[in-house]
């Protein structure tokens, strides 16, 4: 909130903002649901952790992170989301929902991410956990056919995929846990709007020095174009 206000040329300390939000407006934190246990399937192949918690990238579309999370409707129906973010600027390059947590949903997410990018010139590293969706024969062979190098976190160690964990925390704390969703269509629209409009284009990100992912990417592309013209 302090960053948002600074964008509007209003400068206040975090303590002052907290006082207004907590004491005067009566705003309270949102308590998240307990994470349900996933049933672990058979792993076709497990890959080493090539990312090794290096969550930086010198170029776009060179290091992607992916994961699954659960979503709920008001009637208790459970859905899953598979998202992919680019570590270069933390932009969401794919977000897709499904009724089942499967390798097919993971493959469709990667296909959507690739289709959203004009060109992928460099070797692409895709980092995930060791979920059966990513270790399955179908997903492994798909990545191999697309010349994507897989990397995986250590089992039961979410810190190895911290940017994805942070994105999902933000999605739930700032959107999903604040509203009720009565249909699959409502839920799909909410997740899509959050990822592609709010998160990518409107929400400042500390990794980008408080620029949005879109602003960070545009600034980089503009700088590269300037260097090219001056060469």
Protein backbone atom coordinates (compact mmCIF):
# COMPACT_ATOMS: atom_id res chain seq x y z
CA UNK A 1 0.00 0.00 0.00
CA UNK A 2 2.90 2.36 0.71
CA UNK A 3 4.19 1.79 -2.84
CA UNK A 4 0.75 2.39 -4.35
CA UNK A 5 0.46 5.69 -2.49
CA UNK A 6 3.94 6.76 -3.58
CA UNK A 7 2.85 6.23 -7.20
CA UNK A 8 0.15 8.81 -6.44
CA UNK A 9 2.80 11.15 -4.93
CA UNK A 10 1.50 10.50 -1.40
CA UNK A 11 4.36 9.68 0.95
CA UNK A 12 3.56 8.13 4.31
CA UNK A 13 5.47 5.79 6.60
CA UNK A 14 4.47 2.15 6.88
CA UNK A 15 3.57 2.75 10.53
CA UNK A 16 1.15 5.54 9.63
CA UNK A 17 -0.45 3.50 6.85
CA UNK A 18 -0.83 0.53 9.20
CA UNK A 19 -2.52 2.76 11.77
CA UNK A 20 -5.04 4.06 9.23
CA UNK A 21 -5.76 0.62 7.80
CA UNK A 22 -5.90 -1.32 11.08
CA UNK A 23 -7.28 1.07 13.68
CA UNK A 24 -9.32 3.61 11.71
CA UNK A 25 -10.62 1.46 8.85
CA UNK A 26 -10.80 -1.74 10.88
CA UNK A 27 -9.15 -3.88 8.19
CA UNK A 28 -8.14 -7.38 9.26
CA UNK A 29 -5.88 -10.01 7.71
CA UNK A 30 -7.37 -12.93 5.79
CA UNK A 31 -6.92 -16.42 7.24
CA UNK A 32 -6.16 -18.94 4.52
CA UNK A 33 -7.63 -22.42 4.26
CA UNK A 34 -5.48 -25.33 5.32
CA UNK A 35 -3.77 -26.86 2.32
CA UNK A 36 -5.28 -30.24 1.40
CA UNK A 37 -3.00 -33.21 0.97
CA UNK A 38 -2.28 -34.26 -2.61
CA UNK A 39 -2.12 -37.91 -3.52
CA UNK A 40 1.37 -38.56 -4.84
CA UNK A 41 1.51 -40.64 -8.02
CA UNK A 42 4.31 -42.65 -9.60
CA UNK A 43 7.30 -40.65 -10.84
CA UNK A 44 8.46 -41.54 -14.35
CA UNK A 45 11.60 -39.41 -13.98
CA UNK A 46 12.91 -36.95 -11.41
CA UNK A 47 15.29 -34.20 -12.49
CA UNK A 48 18.06 -32.46 -10.49
CA UNK A 49 17.59 -28.97 -9.09
CA UNK A 50 19.35 -26.97 -11.81
CA UNK A 51 17.83 -23.70 -10.62
CA UNK A 52 19.33 -24.13 -7.14
CA UNK A 53 17.39 -21.15 -5.74
CA UNK A 54 18.87 -18.75 -8.29
CA UNK A 55 15.63 -16.89 -8.92
CA UNK A 56 17.15 -14.33 -11.29
CA UNK A 57 17.29 -14.34 -15.08
CA UNK A 58 19.28 -12.11 -17.41
CA UNK A 59 16.84 -12.52 -20.29
CA UNK A 60 13.12 -13.14 -20.61
CA UNK A 61 11.90 -16.65 -21.38
CA UNK A 62 15.03 -18.39 -20.10
CA UNK A 63 13.84 -19.49 -16.64
CA UNK A 64 10.22 -20.33 -15.89
CA UNK A 65 8.70 -21.66 -12.67
CA UNK A 66 5.46 -23.61 -12.45
CA UNK A 67 3.25 -25.22 -9.84
CA UNK A 68 -0.32 -26.20 -8.96
CA UNK A 69 -2.66 -24.82 -6.33
CA UNK A 70 -6.21 -25.58 -5.26
CA UNK A 71 -9.30 -23.37 -5.70
CA UNK A 72 -12.80 -23.62 -4.22
CA UNK A 73 -16.34 -22.62 -5.13
CA UNK A 74 -18.88 -21.65 -2.49
CA UNK A 75 -20.45 -25.12 -2.65
CA UNK A 76 -17.12 -26.73 -1.76
CA UNK A 77 -16.28 -27.90 -5.29
CA UNK A 78 -12.51 -28.07 -5.71
CA UNK A 79 -10.56 -26.97 -8.77
CA UNK A 80 -6.88 -26.64 -9.56
CA UNK A 81 -4.80 -23.94 -11.17
CA UNK A 82 -1.51 -24.41 -12.98
CA UNK A 83 0.45 -21.20 -13.50
CA UNK A 84 3.84 -20.37 -14.98
CA UNK A 85 5.87 -17.26 -14.20
CA UNK A 86 8.94 -15.86 -15.92
CA UNK A 87 11.74 -15.26 -13.41
CA UNK A 88 13.06 -12.41 -15.55
CA UNK A 89 10.32 -10.00 -14.45
CA UNK A 90 7.95 -12.24 -12.43
CA UNK A 91 5.24 -11.94 -15.11
CA UNK A 92 2.58 -14.63 -15.36
CA UNK A 93 3.00 -16.19 -18.82
CA UNK A 94 0.28 -18.81 -18.33
CA UNK A 95 -2.58 -19.51 -15.95
CA UNK A 96 -5.13 -22.25 -16.51
CA UNK A 97 -7.75 -23.95 -14.32
CA UNK A 98 -9.01 -27.52 -14.37
CA UNK A 99 -11.18 -29.92 -12.39
CA UNK A 100 -8.34 -32.41 -11.97
CA UNK A 101 -4.66 -32.06 -11.11
CA UNK A 102 -3.17 -33.93 -14.07
CA UNK A 103 -0.17 -33.93 -16.40
CA UNK A 104 -2.55 -32.85 -19.18
CA UNK A 105 -3.33 -29.63 -17.31
CA UNK A 106 0.41 -29.00 -16.84
CA UNK A 107 1.06 -29.61 -20.56
CA UNK A 108 -1.76 -27.25 -21.56
CA UNK A 109 -0.29 -24.57 -19.29
CA UNK A 110 3.14 -24.87 -20.94
CA UNK A 111 1.57 -24.77 -24.41
CA UNK A 112 -0.36 -21.64 -23.43
CA UNK A 113 2.81 -20.01 -22.07
CA UNK A 114 4.76 -20.75 -25.26
CA UNK A 115 1.92 -19.45 -27.44
CA UNK A 116 1.82 -16.19 -25.44
CA UNK A 117 5.43 -15.33 -26.23
CA UNK A 118 6.33 -13.95 -29.69
CA UNK A 119 9.67 -15.74 -29.75
CA UNK A 120 11.69 -17.90 -27.38
CA UNK A 121 15.24 -17.53 -28.63
CA UNK A 122 17.15 -19.00 -25.72
CA UNK A 123 17.28 -22.37 -24.04
CA UNK A 124 14.34 -22.59 -21.66
CA UNK A 125 14.58 -24.00 -18.14
CA UNK A 126 11.30 -25.02 -16.50
CA UNK A 127 11.43 -25.48 -12.72
CA UNK A 128 8.76 -27.32 -10.72
CA UNK A 129 8.34 -29.52 -7.68
CA UNK A 130 8.38 -33.30 -7.86
CA UNK A 131 4.63 -33.65 -8.28
CA UNK A 132 3.55 -36.62 -10.40
CA UNK A 133 2.11 -34.22 -12.99
CA UNK A 134 5.62 -32.95 -13.77
CA UNK A 135 7.44 -36.26 -13.38
CA UNK A 136 4.97 -38.22 -15.53
CA UNK A 137 6.03 -39.83 -18.79
CA UNK A 138 3.61 -37.63 -20.74
CA UNK A 139 4.97 -34.37 -19.33
CA UNK A 140 8.63 -35.40 -19.52
CA UNK A 141 8.29 -36.45 -23.16
CA UNK A 142 6.40 -33.26 -24.00
CA UNK A 143 9.16 -31.08 -22.51
CA UNK A 144 11.77 -33.10 -24.36
CA UNK A 145 9.91 -32.61 -27.66
CA UNK A 146 9.84 -28.84 -27.02
CA UNK A 147 13.56 -28.81 -26.05
CA UNK A 148 12.68 -27.61 -22.55
CA UNK A 149 15.13 -28.49 -19.78
CA UNK A 150 13.39 -29.59 -16.59
CA UNK A 151 14.56 -28.72 -13.10
CA UNK A 152 12.96 -29.83 -9.83
CA UNK A 153 12.91 -28.81 -6.18
CA UNK A 154 13.96 -31.19 -3.47
CA UNK A 155 11.02 -33.22 -2.20
CA UNK A 156 9.00 -31.37 0.43
CA UNK A 157 11.10 -28.20 0.18
CA UNK A 158 8.90 -25.30 -1.07
CA UNK A 159 11.73 -22.77 -0.69
CA UNK A 160 13.24 -24.22 -3.87
CA UNK A 161 10.25 -22.80 -5.75
CA UNK A 162 9.73 -19.68 -3.66
CA UNK A 163 8.58 -17.31 -6.48
CA UNK A 164 5.68 -19.62 -7.31
CA UNK A 165 4.76 -19.96 -3.65
CA UNK A 166 4.76 -16.19 -3.35
CA UNK A 167 2.58 -15.73 -6.43
CA UNK A 168 -0.02 -18.17 -5.17
CA UNK A 169 0.00 -16.55 -1.73
CA UNK A 170 -0.63 -13.19 -3.40
CA UNK A 171 -3.40 -14.61 -5.60
CA UNK A 172 -5.25 -16.04 -2.61
CA UNK A 173 -4.63 -13.24 -0.10
CA UNK A 174 -5.44 -10.39 -2.48
CA UNK A 175 -8.19 -11.98 -4.58
CA UNK A 176 -9.61 -15.45 -4.00
CA UNK A 177 -10.00 -15.33 -0.23
CA UNK A 178 -11.80 -11.97 -0.39
CA UNK A 179 -14.70 -13.07 -2.60
CA UNK A 180 -17.18 -15.89 -3.17
CA UNK A 181 -17.31 -17.76 -6.46
CA UNK A 182 -20.50 -19.57 -7.39
CA UNK A 183 -19.53 -21.05 -10.75
CA UNK A 184 -16.54 -22.34 -12.65
CA UNK A 185 -16.92 -19.43 -15.08
CA UNK A 186 -16.72 -16.85 -12.26
CA UNK A 187 -13.64 -18.54 -10.83
CA UNK A 188 -11.89 -18.75 -14.22
CA UNK A 189 -12.56 -15.08 -14.92
CA UNK A 190 -11.31 -13.98 -11.49
CA UNK A 191 -8.04 -15.93 -11.76
CA UNK A 192 -7.46 -14.78 -15.34
CA UNK A 193 -8.14 -11.10 -14.57
CA UNK A 194 -5.86 -11.23 -11.55
CA UNK A 195 -2.96 -12.83 -13.44
CA UNK A 196 -3.04 -11.01 -16.75
CA UNK A 197 -4.43 -7.61 -15.76
CA UNK A 198 -3.83 -6.88 -12.08
CA UNK A 199 -0.62 -8.81 -11.41
CA UNK A 200 1.15 -8.25 -14.74
CA UNK A 201 0.07 -4.69 -15.50
CA UNK A 202 -1.05 -2.92 -12.33
CA UNK A 203 0.55 -4.38 -9.21
CA UNK A 204 4.06 -3.13 -8.29
CA UNK A 205 6.54 -5.92 -7.56
CA UNK A 206 9.47 -5.49 -5.18
CA UNK A 207 11.65 -7.69 -7.40
CA UNK A 208 11.24 -5.11 -10.19
CA UNK A 209 12.08 -2.20 -7.85
CA UNK A 210 8.36 -1.52 -7.50
CA UNK A 211 7.65 -1.58 -11.22
CA UNK A 212 4.93 -3.89 -12.47
CA UNK A 213 6.12 -6.91 -14.48
CA UNK A 214 4.84 -5.23 -17.66
CA UNK A 215 6.70 -1.99 -16.85
CA UNK A 216 9.90 -3.90 -16.10
CA UNK A 217 9.69 -5.86 -19.35
CA UNK A 218 8.83 -2.77 -21.41
CA UNK A 219 11.68 -0.80 -19.84
CA UNK A 220 14.12 -3.59 -20.67
CA UNK A 221 12.89 -3.92 -24.27
CA UNK A 222 13.08 -0.16 -24.74
CA UNK A 223 16.63 -0.12 -23.39
CA UNK A 224 17.66 -2.99 -25.68
CA UNK A 225 16.15 -1.22 -28.69
CA UNK A 226 18.04 1.98 -27.82
CA UNK A 227 21.33 0.06 -27.57
CA UNK A 228 20.61 -1.61 -30.93
CA UNK A 229 19.97 1.76 -32.63
CA UNK A 230 23.15 3.25 -31.17
CA UNK A 231 25.28 0.28 -32.22
